[in-house]
Amino acid sequence: MFKRIPLFFTWALSLLSLAMTQDQTIKVVLFGDSITQAGVQPGGYITKMKEALEKQGIKDKYQLIGAGIGGNKVYDLYLRLEEDVLAQKPNVVVIYVGVNDVWHKTSLQTGTDPDKFERFYVALIKKFQTNGIKVICCTPAVIGERTDHSNQQDGDLNRYSGMIRDIAAKYDCPVADLRKEFLAYNLKNNPQNKESGILTTDRVHLNDAGNQLVADLLLKMIVR
């Protein structure tokens, strides 16, 4: 009896095969909220990724498509996945969501409870994998940059990030752990314990350094 090949190895082999085909463009949809919506603007993380690909001389091998809408939560992504992702027929999708699911629980009382977040997130992954799309998961980075765990939503962000890591492990998806990387960066570069201005403009949305950090991390995961 043949053993089932783990999805991660299927993902890796498939992406490697695509990368080795000179005339094959790898299409990547970056799927998220206002952070991703801003990512296609000058200085945004998607724009920075495109610029880096051009500098490396491989811009024609990758097509990056931003699919972010401000205010979106995980169930908003699920409701628009057909038109904004599947219709694009991508090879890879990056799921970058979770900030509003946490943030809006206190700011607007319209956040997403953990059990519902998990169900919708799993449904997204299953839908993409069923359609042969490779999935990269991102943990939500910050809602406030203080490093002493005094940001109001730190507890929930850690919880939801942990859920994403667990889901990703279960479904063999690589993780861009922005929650971990942003905290590490702030521990080194935020000695005054500021709540914004290090990687964000307003505690949530990315400044130039934040966009660069996200761009660098995702490029390492996409370019093979």
Protein backbone atom coordinates (compact mmCIF):
# COMPACT_ATOMS: atom_id res chain seq x y z
CA MET A 1 0.00 0.00 0.00
CA PHE A 2 1.36 3.42 -0.94
CA LYS A 3 1.80 5.91 1.86
CA ARG A 4 0.13 9.27 1.53
CA ILE A 5 2.58 12.04 0.60
CA PRO A 6 2.25 14.95 3.07
CA LEU A 7 0.79 18.10 1.56
CA PHE A 8 3.90 20.10 2.45
CA PHE A 9 6.11 17.91 0.27
CA THR A 10 3.55 18.04 -2.53
CA TRP A 11 3.60 21.85 -2.21
CA ALA A 12 7.39 21.99 -2.27
CA LEU A 13 7.80 19.64 -5.21
CA SER A 14 5.10 21.40 -7.22
CA LEU A 15 6.54 24.86 -6.60
CA LEU A 16 10.06 23.66 -7.37
CA SER A 17 8.83 22.19 -10.64
CA LEU A 18 7.22 25.48 -11.54
CA ALA A 19 10.33 27.45 -10.67
CA MET A 20 12.44 25.19 -12.87
CA THR A 21 10.24 25.84 -15.87
CA GLN A 22 11.73 28.95 -17.47
CA ASP A 23 8.61 30.06 -19.29
CA GLN A 24 6.23 29.39 -16.42
CA THR A 25 5.05 32.42 -14.43
CA ILE A 26 4.20 31.68 -10.82
CA LYS A 27 1.07 33.64 -9.95
CA VAL A 28 0.74 34.69 -6.31
CA VAL A 29 -2.38 36.25 -4.78
CA LEU A 30 -1.82 38.16 -1.54
CA PHE A 31 -5.18 37.94 0.21
CA GLY A 32 -6.01 40.17 3.16
CA ASP A 33 -7.26 43.40 4.68
CA SER A 34 -6.22 47.08 4.58
CA ILE A 35 -2.57 46.20 5.23
CA THR A 36 -2.55 44.24 1.98
CA GLN A 37 -4.71 46.84 0.24
CA ALA A 38 -2.01 49.40 1.04
CA GLY A 39 0.64 46.89 0.02
CA VAL A 40 0.19 47.67 -3.67
CA GLN A 41 0.78 51.40 -3.15
CA PRO A 42 4.23 53.03 -3.55
CA GLY A 43 6.34 51.78 -0.65
CA GLY A 44 3.89 49.00 0.18
CA TYR A 45 5.12 45.50 0.87
CA ILE A 46 3.81 44.07 -2.41
CA THR A 47 5.42 46.91 -4.35
CA LYS A 48 8.68 46.28 -2.50
CA MET A 49 8.47 42.59 -3.38
CA LYS A 50 8.03 43.44 -7.05
CA GLU A 51 10.99 45.83 -6.92
CA ALA A 52 13.16 43.16 -5.31
CA LEU A 53 12.19 40.63 -7.98
CA GLU A 54 13.13 43.14 -10.65
CA LYS A 55 16.53 43.77 -9.02
CA GLN A 56 17.13 40.02 -8.95
CA GLY A 57 16.27 39.81 -12.64
CA ILE A 58 13.37 37.42 -12.08
CA LYS A 59 10.37 39.74 -12.23
CA ASP A 60 8.95 37.83 -15.20
CA LYS A 61 8.90 34.58 -13.25
CA TYR A 62 6.43 35.84 -10.64
CA GLN A 63 3.15 37.71 -10.88
CA LEU A 64 2.07 39.26 -7.59
CA ILE A 65 -1.59 40.21 -7.25
CA GLY A 66 -2.82 42.23 -4.28
CA ALA A 67 -6.30 41.30 -3.07
CA GLY A 68 -6.73 43.31 0.11
CA ILE A 69 -9.84 45.17 1.27
CA GLY A 70 -9.88 47.46 4.28
CA GLY A 71 -11.75 46.21 7.33
CA ASN A 72 -11.87 42.60 6.16
CA LYS A 73 -11.99 39.73 8.60
CA VAL A 74 -11.54 36.05 7.93
CA TYR A 75 -15.18 35.49 6.93
CA ASP A 76 -15.00 38.42 4.48
CA LEU A 77 -12.11 36.64 2.78
CA TYR A 78 -14.16 33.47 2.59
CA LEU A 79 -17.08 35.31 1.01
CA ARG A 80 -14.93 36.74 -1.78
CA LEU A 81 -12.48 33.91 -2.40
CA GLU A 82 -14.17 32.78 -5.62
CA GLU A 83 -13.88 36.11 -7.42
CA ASP A 84 -10.70 37.48 -5.87
CA VAL A 85 -8.61 34.32 -5.69
CA LEU A 86 -9.95 31.29 -7.56
CA ALA A 87 -10.86 33.32 -10.65
CA GLN A 88 -7.22 34.44 -10.85
CA LYS A 89 -6.07 30.80 -11.04
CA PRO A 90 -3.01 31.37 -8.85
CA ASN A 91 -0.28 28.90 -7.99
CA VAL A 92 0.13 30.37 -4.50
CA VAL A 93 -2.08 32.33 -2.11
CA VAL A 94 -0.82 34.21 0.94
CA ILE A 95 -3.48 34.54 3.66
CA TYR A 96 -2.74 37.64 5.75
CA VAL A 97 -5.70 38.23 8.06
CA GLY A 98 -6.54 38.39 11.75
CA VAL A 99 -5.88 41.94 12.89
CA ASN A 100 -9.47 43.11 12.38
CA ASP A 101 -10.85 39.86 13.81
CA VAL A 102 -9.09 40.81 17.05
CA TRP A 103 -9.09 44.61 16.90
CA HIS A 104 -12.78 45.04 16.09
CA LYS A 105 -13.83 42.97 19.08
CA THR A 106 -13.09 45.99 21.28
CA SER A 107 -13.20 48.92 18.84
CA LEU A 108 -16.42 48.05 17.00
CA GLN A 109 -17.74 44.95 18.81
CA THR A 110 -17.73 43.15 15.47
CA GLY A 111 -14.68 40.93 15.78
CA THR A 112 -14.54 37.19 15.24
CA ASP A 113 -14.75 34.69 18.10
CA PRO A 114 -11.91 32.13 18.18
CA ASP A 115 -14.05 29.13 17.21
CA LYS A 116 -15.52 30.93 14.19
CA PHE A 117 -12.11 32.26 13.20
CA GLU A 118 -10.71 28.75 13.19
CA ARG A 119 -13.56 27.30 11.15
CA PHE A 120 -13.38 29.99 8.47
CA TYR A 121 -9.59 29.85 8.32
CA VAL A 122 -9.63 26.07 7.86
CA ALA A 123 -12.34 26.44 5.21
CA LEU A 124 -10.15 28.87 3.27
CA ILE A 125 -7.19 26.51 3.31
CA LYS A 126 -9.27 23.51 2.27
CA LYS A 127 -10.85 25.43 -0.58
CA PHE A 128 -7.50 26.56 -1.92
CA GLN A 129 -5.77 23.21 -1.52
CA THR A 130 -8.66 21.42 -3.18
CA ASN A 131 -8.09 23.68 -6.18
CA GLY A 132 -4.38 22.87 -6.26
CA ILE A 133 -3.27 26.20 -4.79
CA LYS A 134 -0.34 26.34 -2.40
CA VAL A 135 -1.11 28.25 0.80
CA ILE A 136 1.19 30.43 2.90
CA CYS A 137 -0.26 31.58 6.22
CA CYS A 138 0.66 34.81 8.02
CA THR A 139 0.14 35.50 11.70
CA PRO A 140 -1.30 38.97 12.54
CA ALA A 141 1.61 41.21 13.52
CA VAL A 142 0.68 43.91 16.02
CA ILE A 143 -1.99 46.20 17.40
CA GLY A 144 0.43 48.42 19.26
CA GLU A 145 4.21 48.00 19.34
CA ARG A 146 4.98 48.11 23.06
CA THR A 147 7.28 45.30 24.05
CA ASP A 148 6.20 44.91 27.67
CA HIS A 149 2.96 43.08 26.78
CA SER A 150 0.87 46.12 27.72
CA ASN A 151 -0.87 46.54 24.35
CA GLN A 152 -4.57 45.92 24.92
CA GLN A 153 -4.91 43.16 22.33
CA ASP A 154 -1.63 41.34 22.95
CA GLY A 155 -3.36 38.37 24.57
CA ASP A 156 -5.82 37.85 21.72
CA LEU A 157 -3.16 38.40 19.06
CA ASN A 158 -1.01 35.72 20.68
CA ARG A 159 -4.00 33.39 20.87
CA TYR A 160 -5.08 33.86 17.26
CA SER A 161 -1.48 33.61 16.05
CA GLY A 162 -1.17 30.34 17.92
CA MET A 163 -4.34 29.10 16.24
CA ILE A 164 -2.95 29.97 12.81
CA ARG A 165 0.32 28.16 13.57
CA ASP A 166 -1.60 25.06 14.67
CA ILE A 167 -3.90 25.13 11.64
CA ALA A 168 -0.96 25.62 9.30
CA ALA A 169 0.88 22.68 10.85
CA LYS A 170 -2.18 20.47 10.49
CA TYR A 171 -2.61 21.32 6.81
CA ASP A 172 1.11 21.45 5.95
CA CYS A 173 1.20 25.16 5.16
CA PRO A 174 4.35 27.25 5.71
CA VAL A 175 3.92 30.18 8.09
CA ALA A 176 5.21 33.73 7.78
CA ASP A 177 5.22 34.38 11.53
CA LEU A 178 4.82 38.15 11.53
CA ARG A 179 3.72 38.17 15.15
CA LYS A 180 7.05 36.65 16.19
CA GLU A 181 9.16 38.72 13.79
CA PHE A 182 7.58 42.07 14.69
CA LEU A 183 8.05 41.47 18.41
CA ALA A 184 11.68 40.47 17.89
CA TYR A 185 12.32 43.58 15.81
CA ASN A 186 10.71 45.84 18.40
CA LEU A 187 12.69 44.28 21.23
CA LYS A 188 15.85 45.35 19.38
CA ASN A 189 14.67 48.68 17.99
CA ASN A 190 12.10 50.09 20.41
CA PRO A 191 13.99 50.79 23.65
CA GLN A 192 11.53 53.55 24.58
CA ASN A 193 8.60 51.13 24.40
CA LYS A 194 6.67 53.28 21.92
CA GLU A 195 3.27 52.04 20.82
CA SER A 196 3.85 53.04 17.17
CA GLY A 197 6.43 54.47 14.83
CA ILE A 198 8.84 51.53 14.73
CA LEU A 199 7.18 49.24 12.18
CA THR A 200 3.75 50.91 12.01
CA THR A 201 2.33 54.38 11.45
CA ASP A 202 -0.64 54.00 13.77
CA ARG A 203 -0.06 50.81 15.83
CA VAL A 204 -1.42 48.61 12.98
CA HIS A 205 -0.66 49.79 9.45
CA LEU A 206 2.88 49.44 8.18
CA ASN A 207 5.46 52.15 7.77
CA ASP A 208 8.43 51.77 5.42
CA ALA A 209 10.36 49.52 7.80
CA GLY A 210 7.30 47.36 8.43
CA ASN A 211 6.59 46.98 4.74
CA GLN A 212 10.21 46.03 4.15
CA LEU A 213 10.15 43.41 6.90
CA VAL A 214 7.01 41.78 5.48
CA ALA A 215 8.33 41.94 1.93
CA ASP A 216 11.63 40.32 2.86
CA LEU A 217 10.00 37.53 4.84
CA LEU A 218 7.44 36.65 2.18
CA LEU A 219 9.97 36.75 -0.66
CA LYS A 220 12.07 34.15 1.14
CA MET A 221 9.03 31.89 1.23
CA ILE A 222 7.86 32.47 -2.34
CA VAL A 223 11.06 32.60 -4.35
CA ARG A 224 12.60 29.14 -4.71
